[in-house]
C-alpha atoms as a PDB file:
ATOM      1  CA  UNK A   1       2.978  19.214 -15.909  1.00  0.00           C
ATOM      2  CA  UNK A   2       4.172  20.533 -12.560  1.00  0.00           C
ATOM      3  CA  UNK A   3       6.305  18.375 -10.321  1.00  0.00           C
ATOM      4  CA  UNK A   4       7.757  14.942 -10.805  1.00  0.00           C
ATOM      5  CA  UNK A   5       5.928  11.908 -12.129  1.00  0.00           C
ATOM      6  CA  UNK A   6       5.979   9.021  -9.671  1.00  0.00           C
ATOM      7  CA  UNK A   7       4.681   5.486  -9.764  1.00  0.00           C
ATOM      8  CA  UNK A   8       2.238   4.056  -7.237  1.00  0.00           C
ATOM      9  CA  UNK A   9       5.031   2.588  -5.116  1.00  0.00           C
ATOM     10  CA  UNK A  10       5.043   3.636  -1.466  1.00  0.00           C
ATOM     11  CA  UNK A  11       7.429   6.457  -0.609  1.00  0.00           C
ATOM     12  CA  UNK A  12       7.997   8.472   2.514  1.00  0.00           C
ATOM     13  CA  UNK A  13       4.915  10.704   2.671  1.00  0.00           C
ATOM     14  CA  UNK A  14       5.196  14.470   2.520  1.00  0.00           C
ATOM     15  CA  UNK A  15       3.263  16.045   5.430  1.00  0.00           C
ATOM     16  CA  UNK A  16       2.280  19.699   5.248  1.00  0.00           C
ATOM     17  CA  UNK A  17       0.869  21.442   8.315  1.00  0.00           C
ATOM     18  CA  UNK A  18       1.102  24.985   6.945  1.00  0.00           C
ATOM     19  CA  UNK A  19       0.056  26.225   3.501  1.00  0.00           C
ATOM     20  CA  UNK A  20       0.808  29.903   2.985  1.00  0.00           C
ATOM     21  CA  UNK A  21      -0.617  31.636   6.061  1.00  0.00           C
ATOM     22  CA  UNK A  22      -3.102  28.816   6.777  1.00  0.00           C
ATOM     23  CA  UNK A  23      -2.394  26.277   9.503  1.00  0.00           C
ATOM     24  CA  UNK A  24      -3.907  22.900   8.699  1.00  0.00           C
ATOM     25  CA  UNK A  25      -6.045  22.019  11.700  1.00  0.00           C
ATOM     26  CA  UNK A  26      -6.398  18.469  13.082  1.00  0.00           C
ATOM     27  CA  UNK A  27     -10.089  18.781  12.101  1.00  0.00           C
ATOM     28  CA  UNK A  28     -10.252  20.983   9.021  1.00  0.00           C
ATOM     29  CA  UNK A  29     -13.264  22.024   6.986  1.00  0.00           C
ATOM     30  CA  UNK A  30     -13.538  21.905   3.225  1.00  0.00           C
ATOM     31  CA  UNK A  31     -16.277  23.101   0.903  1.00  0.00           C
ATOM     32  CA  UNK A  32     -17.264  23.356  -2.712  1.00  0.00           C
ATOM     33  CA  UNK A  33     -17.263  26.733  -4.492  1.00  0.00           C
ATOM     34  CA  UNK A  34     -20.901  27.639  -3.782  1.00  0.00           C
ATOM     35  CA  UNK A  35     -20.813  26.384  -0.176  1.00  0.00           C
ATOM     36  CA  UNK A  36     -23.606  23.857  -0.622  1.00  0.00           C
ATOM     37  CA  UNK A  37     -21.274  20.957   0.292  1.00  0.00           C
ATOM     38  CA  UNK A  38     -19.226  21.169   3.488  1.00  0.00           C
ATOM     39  CA  UNK A  39     -16.870  18.425   4.651  1.00  0.00           C
ATOM     40  CA  UNK A  40     -14.959  17.909   7.867  1.00  0.00           C
ATOM     41  CA  UNK A  41     -11.621  16.111   7.534  1.00  0.00           C
ATOM     42  CA  UNK A  42      -9.399  14.520  10.172  1.00  0.00           C
ATOM     43  CA  UNK A  43      -5.930  15.854   9.341  1.00  0.00           C
ATOM     44  CA  UNK A  44      -3.816  15.273  12.483  1.00  0.00           C
ATOM     45  CA  UNK A  45      -0.633  15.149  10.357  1.00  0.00           C
ATOM     46  CA  UNK A  46      -1.713  17.964   8.037  1.00  0.00           C
ATOM     47  CA  UNK A  47      -1.975  17.373   4.312  1.00  0.00           C
ATOM     48  CA  UNK A  48      -0.286  14.029   3.713  1.00  0.00           C
ATOM     49  CA  UNK A  49       1.173  13.133   0.317  1.00  0.00           C
ATOM     50  CA  UNK A  50      -0.414  15.865  -1.867  1.00  0.00           C
ATOM     51  CA  UNK A  51      -0.341  14.811  -5.497  1.00  0.00           C
ATOM     52  CA  UNK A  52      -1.821  15.085  -8.952  1.00  0.00           C
ATOM     53  CA  UNK A  53      -2.772  12.226 -11.243  1.00  0.00           C
ATOM     54  CA  UNK A  54      -2.495  12.012 -15.019  1.00  0.00           C
ATOM     55  CA  UNK A  55      -5.457   9.681 -15.660  1.00  0.00           C
ATOM     56  CA  UNK A  56      -8.007  10.980 -18.171  1.00  0.00           C
ATOM     57  CA  UNK A  57     -10.356  12.405 -15.502  1.00  0.00           C
ATOM     58  CA  UNK A  58      -7.740  13.943 -13.196  1.00  0.00           C
ATOM     59  CA  UNK A  59      -5.871  15.442 -16.142  1.00  0.00           C
ATOM     60  CA  UNK A  60      -9.041  17.317 -17.114  1.00  0.00           C
ATOM     61  CA  UNK A  61     -10.022  18.159 -13.524  1.00  0.00           C
ATOM     62  CA  UNK A  62      -6.547  19.433 -12.592  1.00  0.00           C
ATOM     63  CA  UNK A  63      -6.959  19.212  -8.830  1.00  0.00           C
ATOM     64  CA  UNK A  64      -4.358  18.375  -6.214  1.00  0.00           C
ATOM     65  CA  UNK A  65      -5.554  15.625  -3.872  1.00  0.00           C
ATOM     66  CA  UNK A  66      -4.482  14.030  -0.596  1.00  0.00           C
ATOM     67  CA  UNK A  67      -6.057  11.090   1.231  1.00  0.00           C
ATOM     68  CA  UNK A  68      -7.743  10.261   4.513  1.00  0.00           C
ATOM     69  CA  UNK A  69      -9.253   6.997   5.785  1.00  0.00           C
ATOM     70  CA  UNK A  70     -12.984   6.668   5.037  1.00  0.00           C
ATOM     71  CA  UNK A  71     -13.776   7.498   8.673  1.00  0.00           C
ATOM     72  CA  UNK A  72     -11.640  10.650   8.376  1.00  0.00           C
ATOM     73  CA  UNK A  73     -14.101  12.471   6.112  1.00  0.00           C
ATOM     74  CA  UNK A  74     -17.590  13.525   7.127  1.00  0.00           C
ATOM     75  CA  UNK A  75     -20.189  15.315   5.032  1.00  0.00           C
ATOM     76  CA  UNK A  76     -21.592  17.869   7.458  1.00  0.00           C
ATOM     77  CA  UNK A  77     -23.716  19.753   4.947  1.00  0.00           C
ATOM     78  CA  UNK A  78     -25.043  19.176   1.456  1.00  0.00           C
ATOM     79  CA  UNK A  79     -25.104  15.398   1.042  1.00  0.00           C
ATOM     80  CA  UNK A  80     -28.179  15.956  -1.124  1.00  0.00           C
ATOM     81  CA  UNK A  81     -26.166  18.264  -3.423  1.00  0.00           C
ATOM     82  CA  UNK A  82     -23.462  15.656  -4.085  1.00  0.00           C
ATOM     83  CA  UNK A  83     -23.470  13.655  -7.286  1.00  0.00           C
ATOM     84  CA  UNK A  84     -21.295  10.684  -8.155  1.00  0.00           C
ATOM     85  CA  UNK A  85     -19.382   9.970 -11.359  1.00  0.00           C
ATOM     86  CA  UNK A  86     -17.829   6.594 -12.128  1.00  0.00           C
ATOM     87  CA  UNK A  87     -15.968   5.404 -15.193  1.00  0.00           C
ATOM     88  CA  UNK A  88     -13.771   2.568 -16.487  1.00  0.00           C
ATOM     89  CA  UNK A  89     -13.657  -0.060 -13.697  1.00  0.00           C
ATOM     90  CA  UNK A  90     -16.597   1.583 -11.849  1.00  0.00           C
ATOM     91  CA  UNK A  91     -14.717   1.187  -8.541  1.00  0.00           C
ATOM     92  CA  UNK A  92     -13.778   4.775  -7.739  1.00  0.00           C
ATOM     93  CA  UNK A  93     -16.630   7.107  -6.839  1.00  0.00           C
ATOM     94  CA  UNK A  94     -15.933  10.742  -7.751  1.00  0.00           C
ATOM     95  CA  UNK A  95     -18.129  13.184  -5.803  1.00  0.00           C
ATOM     96  CA  UNK A  96     -18.923  16.672  -7.028  1.00  0.00           C
ATOM     97  CA  UNK A  97     -21.397  19.419  -6.171  1.00  0.00           C
ATOM     98  CA  UNK A  98     -24.420  19.389  -8.474  1.00  0.00           C
ATOM     99  CA  UNK A  99     -24.768  23.168  -8.094  1.00  0.00           C
ATOM    100  CA  UNK A 100     -21.270  24.492  -8.797  1.00  0.00           C
ATOM    101  CA  UNK A 101     -19.606  21.375 -10.279  1.00  0.00           C
ATOM    102  CA  UNK A 102     -16.588  21.313  -7.956  1.00  0.00           C
ATOM    103  CA  UNK A 103     -15.000  17.919  -7.254  1.00  0.00           C
ATOM    104  CA  UNK A 104     -14.820  17.639  -3.460  1.00  0.00           C
ATOM    105  CA  UNK A 105     -13.571  14.077  -2.949  1.00  0.00           C
ATOM    106  CA  UNK A 106     -13.526  10.545  -4.296  1.00  0.00           C
ATOM    107  CA  UNK A 107     -13.293   7.038  -2.949  1.00  0.00           C
ATOM    108  CA  UNK A 108     -10.058   5.709  -4.363  1.00  0.00           C
ATOM    109  CA  UNK A 109      -9.886   2.583  -6.498  1.00  0.00           C
ATOM    110  CA  UNK A 110      -6.232   1.935  -5.652  1.00  0.00           C
ATOM    111  CA  UNK A 111      -7.194   2.012  -1.965  1.00  0.00           C
ATOM    112  CA  UNK A 112     -11.003   1.845  -1.490  1.00  0.00           C
ATOM    113  CA  UNK A 113     -10.534   2.255   2.273  1.00  0.00           C
ATOM    114  CA  UNK A 114      -9.562   5.895   1.655  1.00  0.00           C
ATOM    115  CA  UNK A 115     -11.090   9.062   0.302  1.00  0.00           C
ATOM    116  CA  UNK A 116      -8.954  11.437  -1.695  1.00  0.00           C
ATOM    117  CA  UNK A 117     -10.054  15.025  -1.134  1.00  0.00           C
ATOM    118  CA  UNK A 118      -9.535  18.123  -3.245  1.00  0.00           C
ATOM    119  CA  UNK A 119      -6.876  20.179  -1.434  1.00  0.00           C
ATOM    120  CA  UNK A 120      -8.249  23.324  -3.102  1.00  0.00           C
ATOM    121  CA  UNK A 121     -11.504  22.851  -1.165  1.00  0.00           C
ATOM    122  CA  UNK A 122      -9.786  23.140   2.250  1.00  0.00           C
ATOM    123  CA  UNK A 123     -10.814  26.332   4.047  1.00  0.00           C
ATOM    124  CA  UNK A 124      -8.121  28.988   3.682  1.00  0.00           C
ATOM    125  CA  UNK A 125      -5.845  26.919   1.437  1.00  0.00           C
ATOM    126  CA  UNK A 126      -4.505  28.091  -1.905  1.00  0.00           C
ATOM    127  CA  UNK A 127      -3.081  24.907  -3.476  1.00  0.00           C
ATOM    128  CA  UNK A 128      -0.648  27.009  -5.517  1.00  0.00           C
ATOM    129  CA  UNK A 129       1.141  27.735  -2.210  1.00  0.00           C
ATOM    130  CA  UNK A 130       2.146  24.048  -1.958  1.00  0.00           C
ATOM    131  CA  UNK A 131       4.912  24.505  -4.512  1.00  0.00           C
ATOM    132  CA  UNK A 132       5.825  21.608  -6.812  1.00  0.00           C
ATOM    133  CA  UNK A 133       3.469  18.640  -6.437  1.00  0.00           C
ATOM    134  CA  UNK A 134       4.316  15.157  -7.757  1.00  0.00           C
ATOM    135  CA  UNK A 135       2.111  13.568 -10.408  1.00  0.00           C
ATOM    136  CA  UNK A 136       1.050   9.930 -10.052  1.00  0.00           C
ATOM    137  CA  UNK A 137       0.935   7.685 -13.077  1.00  0.00           C
ATOM    138  CA  UNK A 138      -2.812   7.111 -13.428  1.00  0.00           C
ATOM    139  CA  UNK A 139      -2.582   6.260 -17.126  1.00  0.00           C
ATOM    140  CA  UNK A 140      -0.898   2.954 -16.173  1.00  0.00           C
ATOM    141  CA  UNK A 141      -2.956   2.349 -13.036  1.00  0.00           C
ATOM    142  CA  UNK A 142      -2.312  -1.016 -11.329  1.00  0.00           C
ATOM    143  CA  UNK A 143      -6.056  -1.808 -11.371  1.00  0.00           C
ATOM    144  CA  UNK A 144      -6.036  -1.645 -15.187  1.00  0.00           C
ATOM    145  CA  UNK A 145      -3.627  -4.566 -15.576  1.00  0.00           C
END
């Protein structure tokens, strides 16, 4: 596991406005692998609080995510190609492209007023350029208690 494991407690958020040679734009596009799904994200502070999660789904998916308010993510192409997966409490909605299988975003269960988006889907961003990324404790999620 890369990075440090942290609990769900609020900490000072890490804000990243540059990843490798890519500047994170205030309105940045993201897409799945095949390009069927295209999102537009409001990222005025860059990538805020990038993280991994060790819950059973995220552990298998392996993506780095960051969050935006629900109004900060727009599907500008491919809504018809998106599929939803839900498990356990059925609160979180995990969206992925039906064509290529890439997870693009999910509505969070720990904060349903936010979407978490797959940082690897951001145009021009290689998530390996972020360096160490903390891992959230999703195995002991507060909603499971």
